[in-house]
Amino acid sequence: MTKHAPATPLPWMYGELTEGVITPKGAPVASIPDDGIFEADIDMRYLAHAANAYPKLVERLYFIAGHAEDKDTREYANDLLEELGEQRG
């Protein structure tokens, strides 16, 4: 479980209702103006993908930090968790 969770439950989807809107099962989370900028479409897909992947990333980093045989690998996983603000106190 992560310390950081969105107010709107995951998973988020992009373009389910209309292009330019990130939604969790139909309710808008974020939107961008339809100004024809292609990069905005890519950014919205990236945000939805990253938000959905974040909990699994943190879960795996905790596992590596606690179970990796190599000390450097454990320390690297802990450093990443700390950078994400997920380090357990």
N, C-alpha and C. Protein backbone atom coordinates (compact mmCIF):
# COMPACT_ATOMS: atom_id res chain seq x y z
N MET A 1 0.85 -1.18 0.00
CA MET A 1 0.00 0.00 0.00
C MET A 1 0.90 1.24 0.00
N THR A 2 0.55 2.22 -0.79
CA THR A 2 1.35 3.44 -0.88
C THR A 2 0.85 4.49 0.11
N LYS A 3 1.71 5.42 0.43
CA LYS A 3 1.32 6.56 1.27
C LYS A 3 0.57 7.60 0.45
N HIS A 4 0.78 7.59 -0.84
CA HIS A 4 0.18 8.57 -1.74
C HIS A 4 -0.85 7.90 -2.62
N ALA A 5 -2.08 8.32 -2.49
CA ALA A 5 -3.14 7.78 -3.33
C ALA A 5 -3.97 8.94 -3.86
N PRO A 6 -4.46 8.81 -5.08
CA PRO A 6 -5.28 9.89 -5.62
C PRO A 6 -6.64 9.93 -4.91
N ALA A 7 -7.24 11.09 -4.88
CA ALA A 7 -8.57 11.23 -4.29
C ALA A 7 -9.59 10.43 -5.09
N THR A 8 -9.36 10.31 -6.38
CA THR A 8 -10.23 9.54 -7.25
C THR A 8 -9.62 8.15 -7.42
N PRO A 9 -10.38 7.10 -7.13
CA PRO A 9 -9.83 5.74 -7.18
C PRO A 9 -9.28 5.35 -8.54
N LEU A 10 -8.26 4.53 -8.51
CA LEU A 10 -7.69 3.94 -9.72
C LEU A 10 -8.54 2.72 -10.09
N PRO A 11 -8.50 2.21 -11.29
CA PRO A 11 -7.67 2.64 -12.40
C PRO A 11 -8.29 3.81 -13.15
N TRP A 12 -7.40 4.62 -13.71
CA TRP A 12 -7.83 5.72 -14.56
C TRP A 12 -7.76 5.26 -16.00
N MET A 13 -8.63 5.80 -16.83
CA MET A 13 -8.64 5.50 -18.26
C MET A 13 -8.54 6.80 -19.02
N TYR A 14 -8.04 6.74 -20.20
CA TYR A 14 -7.94 7.95 -21.02
C TYR A 14 -8.78 7.80 -22.25
N GLY A 15 -9.56 8.83 -22.54
CA GLY A 15 -10.33 8.85 -23.78
C GLY A 15 -11.54 7.93 -23.77
N GLU A 16 -11.95 7.45 -22.59
CA GLU A 16 -13.09 6.55 -22.52
C GLU A 16 -14.39 7.27 -22.89
N LEU A 17 -14.57 8.50 -22.39
CA LEU A 17 -15.75 9.28 -22.74
C LEU A 17 -15.48 10.17 -23.95
N THR A 18 -14.43 10.96 -23.84
CA THR A 18 -14.02 11.82 -24.93
C THR A 18 -12.51 11.94 -24.89
N GLU A 19 -11.92 12.30 -25.99
CA GLU A 19 -10.49 12.56 -25.98
C GLU A 19 -10.21 13.77 -25.10
N GLY A 20 -9.09 13.78 -24.42
CA GLY A 20 -8.72 14.92 -23.59
C GLY A 20 -9.21 14.82 -22.16
N VAL A 21 -9.78 13.67 -21.75
CA VAL A 21 -10.28 13.51 -20.39
C VAL A 21 -9.75 12.20 -19.82
N ILE A 22 -9.21 12.26 -18.60
CA ILE A 22 -8.82 11.06 -17.87
C ILE A 22 -10.00 10.72 -16.96
N THR A 23 -10.43 9.47 -16.99
CA THR A 23 -11.60 9.08 -16.20
C THR A 23 -11.36 7.80 -15.41
N PRO A 24 -11.97 7.68 -14.22
CA PRO A 24 -12.03 6.39 -13.54
C PRO A 24 -13.44 5.86 -13.71
N LYS A 25 -13.64 4.99 -14.63
CA LYS A 25 -14.96 4.41 -14.85
C LYS A 25 -16.03 5.46 -15.12
N GLY A 26 -15.71 6.46 -15.93
CA GLY A 26 -16.72 7.38 -16.40
C GLY A 26 -16.77 8.76 -15.77
N ALA A 27 -16.12 9.00 -14.64
CA ALA A 27 -16.15 10.31 -14.00
C ALA A 27 -14.85 11.05 -14.29
N PRO A 28 -14.91 12.28 -14.80
CA PRO A 28 -13.67 13.00 -15.15
C PRO A 28 -12.76 13.24 -13.95
N VAL A 29 -11.47 13.02 -14.16
CA VAL A 29 -10.43 13.31 -13.17
C VAL A 29 -9.66 14.54 -13.59
N ALA A 30 -9.29 14.59 -14.86
CA ALA A 30 -8.51 15.70 -15.39
C ALA A 30 -8.87 15.87 -16.85
N SER A 31 -8.76 17.10 -17.33
CA SER A 31 -9.04 17.32 -18.74
C SER A 31 -8.08 18.36 -19.29
N ILE A 32 -8.00 18.41 -20.59
CA ILE A 32 -7.16 19.39 -21.27
C ILE A 32 -8.02 20.07 -22.33
N PRO A 33 -7.73 21.30 -22.66
CA PRO A 33 -8.50 21.96 -23.71
C PRO A 33 -8.26 21.30 -25.05
N ASP A 34 -9.25 21.28 -25.87
CA ASP A 34 -9.13 20.70 -27.20
C ASP A 34 -8.58 21.76 -28.14
N ASP A 35 -7.27 21.97 -28.06
CA ASP A 35 -6.65 23.00 -28.89
C ASP A 35 -5.79 22.41 -30.00
N GLY A 36 -5.93 21.10 -30.19
CA GLY A 36 -5.23 20.46 -31.29
C GLY A 36 -3.76 20.17 -31.04
N ILE A 37 -3.31 20.30 -29.82
CA ILE A 37 -1.90 20.03 -29.52
C ILE A 37 -1.73 18.53 -29.30
N PHE A 38 -1.01 17.87 -30.18
CA PHE A 38 -0.83 16.42 -30.12
C PHE A 38 -0.12 16.00 -28.85
N GLU A 39 0.82 16.79 -28.36
CA GLU A 39 1.58 16.43 -27.18
C GLU A 39 0.67 16.29 -25.95
N ALA A 40 -0.41 17.07 -25.89
CA ALA A 40 -1.32 16.99 -24.75
C ALA A 40 -1.96 15.60 -24.69
N ASP A 41 -2.30 15.02 -25.82
CA ASP A 41 -2.86 13.68 -25.87
C ASP A 41 -1.87 12.67 -25.31
N ILE A 42 -0.63 12.77 -25.71
CA ILE A 42 0.41 11.88 -25.23
C ILE A 42 0.60 12.07 -23.72
N ASP A 43 0.60 13.31 -23.26
CA ASP A 43 0.76 13.58 -21.83
C ASP A 43 -0.38 12.97 -21.02
N MET A 44 -1.61 13.08 -21.50
CA MET A 44 -2.75 12.53 -20.76
C MET A 44 -2.66 11.01 -20.67
N ARG A 45 -2.26 10.37 -21.76
CA ARG A 45 -2.10 8.91 -21.73
C ARG A 45 -0.98 8.53 -20.75
N TYR A 46 0.08 9.30 -20.74
CA TYR A 46 1.20 9.05 -19.81
C TYR A 46 0.75 9.20 -18.36
N LEU A 47 0.00 10.26 -18.05
CA LEU A 47 -0.48 10.47 -16.68
C LEU A 47 -1.37 9.33 -16.21
N ALA A 48 -2.29 8.91 -17.05
CA ALA A 48 -3.17 7.80 -16.67
C ALA A 48 -2.36 6.52 -16.45
N HIS A 49 -1.42 6.25 -17.35
CA HIS A 49 -0.58 5.05 -17.23
C HIS A 49 0.27 5.11 -15.96
N ALA A 50 0.89 6.24 -15.70
CA ALA A 50 1.75 6.38 -14.52
C ALA A 50 0.95 6.23 -13.23
N ALA A 51 -0.21 6.85 -13.18
CA ALA A 51 -1.06 6.75 -11.98
C ALA A 51 -1.45 5.30 -11.72
N ASN A 52 -1.79 4.57 -12.75
CA ASN A 52 -2.19 3.18 -12.58
C ASN A 52 -1.01 2.28 -12.20
N ALA A 53 0.18 2.59 -12.67
CA ALA A 53 1.36 1.78 -12.39
C ALA A 53 1.99 2.07 -11.03
N TYR A 54 1.75 3.24 -10.47
CA TYR A 54 2.42 3.68 -9.24
C TYR A 54 2.26 2.70 -8.07
N PRO A 55 1.06 2.24 -7.74
CA PRO A 55 0.95 1.33 -6.59
C PRO A 55 1.77 0.05 -6.75
N LYS A 56 1.79 -0.52 -7.95
CA LYS A 56 2.57 -1.74 -8.17
C LYS A 56 4.06 -1.44 -8.09
N LEU A 57 4.50 -0.29 -8.58
CA LEU A 57 5.90 0.10 -8.47
C LEU A 57 6.33 0.15 -7.01
N VAL A 58 5.53 0.81 -6.18
CA VAL A 58 5.87 0.94 -4.76
C VAL A 58 5.87 -0.43 -4.08
N GLU A 59 4.88 -1.25 -4.41
CA GLU A 59 4.81 -2.60 -3.83
C GLU A 59 6.07 -3.40 -4.17
N ARG A 60 6.49 -3.34 -5.41
CA ARG A 60 7.68 -4.08 -5.84
C ARG A 60 8.96 -3.53 -5.20
N LEU A 61 9.04 -2.20 -5.07
CA LEU A 61 10.22 -1.62 -4.43
C LEU A 61 10.32 -2.03 -2.96
N TYR A 62 9.18 -2.08 -2.25
CA TYR A 62 9.19 -2.57 -0.86
C TYR A 62 9.66 -4.02 -0.80
N PHE A 63 9.19 -4.83 -1.76
CA PHE A 63 9.62 -6.23 -1.78
C PHE A 63 11.13 -6.33 -1.99
N ILE A 64 11.64 -5.59 -2.98
CA ILE A 64 13.08 -5.62 -3.27
C ILE A 64 13.87 -5.12 -2.07
N ALA A 65 13.40 -4.03 -1.45
CA ALA A 65 14.10 -3.46 -0.30
C ALA A 65 14.18 -4.44 0.86
N GLY A 66 13.20 -5.31 0.98
CA GLY A 66 13.18 -6.25 2.08
C GLY A 66 13.71 -7.63 1.79
N HIS A 67 13.85 -7.98 0.51
CA HIS A 67 14.20 -9.36 0.17
C HIS A 67 15.42 -9.53 -0.73
N ALA A 68 15.92 -8.48 -1.32
CA ALA A 68 17.07 -8.64 -2.23
C ALA A 68 18.28 -9.12 -1.45
N GLU A 69 19.02 -10.04 -2.04
CA GLU A 69 20.21 -10.58 -1.39
C GLU A 69 21.34 -9.56 -1.38
N ASP A 70 21.41 -8.75 -2.41
CA ASP A 70 22.49 -7.78 -2.55
C ASP A 70 22.18 -6.50 -1.76
N LYS A 71 23.09 -6.10 -0.88
CA LYS A 71 22.88 -4.91 -0.05
C LYS A 71 22.70 -3.65 -0.90
N ASP A 72 23.48 -3.51 -1.96
CA ASP A 72 23.37 -2.33 -2.82
C ASP A 72 21.98 -2.24 -3.47
N THR A 73 21.44 -3.37 -3.86
CA THR A 73 20.10 -3.40 -4.46
C THR A 73 19.06 -2.98 -3.45
N ARG A 74 19.16 -3.48 -2.22
CA ARG A 74 18.22 -3.08 -1.16
C ARG A 74 18.31 -1.58 -0.90
N GLU A 75 19.53 -1.05 -0.83
CA GLU A 75 19.72 0.38 -0.59
C GLU A 75 19.16 1.22 -1.74
N TYR A 76 19.35 0.75 -2.96
CA TYR A 76 18.84 1.48 -4.13
C TYR A 76 17.31 1.51 -4.10
N ALA A 77 16.69 0.38 -3.76
CA ALA A 77 15.23 0.34 -3.66
C ALA A 77 14.75 1.28 -2.56
N ASN A 78 15.43 1.30 -1.43
CA ASN A 78 15.06 2.21 -0.34
C ASN A 78 15.25 3.67 -0.75
N ASP A 79 16.30 3.96 -1.49
CA ASP A 79 16.52 5.33 -1.98
C ASP A 79 15.38 5.77 -2.89
N LEU A 80 14.94 4.87 -3.77
CA LEU A 80 13.83 5.20 -4.67
C LEU A 80 12.54 5.41 -3.89
N LEU A 81 12.28 4.57 -2.89
CA LEU A 81 11.09 4.75 -2.05
C LEU A 81 11.13 6.09 -1.32
N GLU A 82 12.30 6.45 -0.83
CA GLU A 82 12.44 7.74 -0.14
C GLU A 82 12.19 8.89 -1.11
N GLU A 83 12.74 8.79 -2.32
CA GLU A 83 12.55 9.84 -3.31
C GLU A 83 11.06 10.00 -3.68
N LEU A 84 10.33 8.89 -3.66
CA LEU A 84 8.90 8.91 -3.95
C LEU A 84 8.06 9.35 -2.74
N GLY A 85 8.72 9.52 -1.59
CA GLY A 85 8.00 9.88 -0.38
C GLY A 85 7.28 8.70 0.24
N GLU A 86 7.74 7.50 -0.06
CA GLU A 86 7.07 6.28 0.38
C GLU A 86 7.83 5.52 1.47
N GLN A 87 8.97 6.02 1.88
CA GLN A 87 9.77 5.32 2.88
C GLN A 87 9.00 5.20 4.18
N ARG A 88 8.93 3.99 4.69
CA ARG A 88 8.25 3.77 5.97
C ARG A 88 9.11 4.34 7.10
N GLY A 89 8.44 4.98 8.03
CA GLY A 89 9.14 5.64 9.12
C GLY A 89 9.53 4.82 10.26
